[in-house]
Amino acid sequence: MFYKVKVVEPLDNYILLVTFENGIQKYYDVKKLFDKWEIFKNLTTTTGLFNLVKVDDGGYGISWNKDIDLSCNELWDNGKEI
């Protein structure tokens, strides 16, 4: 099952506020990905990149650029519900 993303907002300290189409909101901590996947470190070294996050067409994920993205299932499964 897919939990489509409706809105994503970048917060301080590399936290995302994700609102899903079913109305549930979750916090997602991107910092845990810095050691897991090298590409995510670019969010800390490229000024302003973290704030450019957007919902992908159809709501099946989010992305910062063509190389850095996350699926809606990752956000749903590993986000902390508010």
Protein backbone atom coordinates (compact mmCIF):
# COMPACT_ATOMS: atom_id res chain seq x y z
CA MET A 1 0.00 0.00 0.00
CA PHE A 2 1.20 3.48 -0.81
CA TYR A 3 0.71 6.42 1.54
CA LYS A 4 1.00 9.32 -0.87
CA VAL A 5 2.64 12.55 0.22
CA LYS A 6 0.57 15.70 -0.05
CA VAL A 7 2.97 18.29 1.42
CA VAL A 8 6.57 18.27 2.66
CA GLU A 9 8.12 21.08 4.68
CA PRO A 10 11.79 21.36 5.63
CA LEU A 11 12.35 22.19 9.31
CA ASP A 12 15.46 22.96 11.35
CA ASN A 13 18.09 20.31 12.04
CA TYR A 14 17.33 18.30 8.86
CA ILE A 15 13.83 17.31 9.93
CA LEU A 16 10.95 17.10 7.46
CA LEU A 17 7.30 17.62 8.28
CA VAL A 18 5.44 15.31 5.93
CA THR A 19 1.67 15.51 5.42
CA PHE A 20 0.13 12.51 3.73
CA GLU A 21 -3.04 12.52 1.62
CA ASN A 22 -4.92 10.75 4.45
CA GLY A 23 -4.23 13.76 6.70
CA ILE A 24 -1.65 12.09 8.94
CA GLN A 25 1.49 14.11 9.61
CA LYS A 26 4.90 12.70 10.48
CA TYR A 27 8.34 14.02 11.27
CA TYR A 28 11.15 12.42 9.31
CA ASP A 29 14.75 12.83 10.47
CA VAL A 30 17.00 12.95 7.41
CA LYS A 31 20.21 12.96 9.51
CA LYS A 32 20.06 9.19 9.92
CA LEU A 33 20.66 8.87 6.16
CA PHE A 34 23.94 10.81 6.15
CA ASP A 35 25.98 7.77 7.17
CA LYS A 36 23.81 5.26 5.34
CA TRP A 37 23.96 6.84 1.87
CA GLU A 38 26.80 9.17 0.88
CA ILE A 39 24.62 11.21 -1.52
CA PHE A 40 22.53 12.55 1.38
CA LYS A 41 25.58 14.36 2.79
CA ASN A 42 25.13 16.82 -0.08
CA LEU A 43 22.15 18.20 1.85
CA THR A 44 24.63 19.49 4.44
CA THR A 45 27.36 20.72 2.11
CA THR A 46 25.33 22.45 -0.63
CA THR A 47 23.94 25.67 0.78
CA GLY A 48 20.15 25.84 0.64
CA LEU A 49 19.66 22.41 -0.96
CA PHE A 50 17.77 20.91 1.98
CA ASN A 51 15.13 23.64 1.73
CA LEU A 52 14.45 22.82 -1.93
CA VAL A 53 12.63 19.58 -1.10
CA LYS A 54 9.43 19.02 -3.05
CA VAL A 55 6.73 16.39 -3.49
CA ASP A 56 7.19 14.31 -6.63
CA ASP A 57 4.43 14.10 -9.22
CA GLY A 58 1.73 11.76 -7.98
CA GLY A 59 2.87 11.95 -4.34
CA TYR A 60 4.86 8.72 -4.43
CA GLY A 61 7.92 10.38 -2.94
CA ILE A 62 9.89 13.54 -2.40
CA SER A 63 13.08 14.84 -3.94
CA TRP A 64 15.67 17.55 -3.71
CA ASN A 65 17.19 17.02 -7.15
CA LYS A 66 17.57 14.21 -9.70
CA ASP A 67 19.99 12.34 -7.43
CA ILE A 68 18.46 12.69 -3.95
CA ASP A 69 14.97 11.38 -3.23
CA LEU A 70 12.91 9.31 -0.80
CA SER A 71 9.88 7.14 -1.39
CA CYS A 72 6.54 7.73 0.26
CA ASN A 73 6.85 4.32 1.94
CA GLU A 74 10.19 5.25 3.53
CA LEU A 75 8.66 8.43 4.92
CA TRP A 76 5.58 6.58 6.18
CA ASP A 77 7.38 3.59 7.67
CA ASN A 78 10.21 5.51 9.35
CA GLY A 79 8.57 8.83 10.16
CA LYS A 80 7.42 9.67 13.66
CA GLU A 81 3.69 10.40 13.80
CA ILE A 82 2.72 13.69 15.39
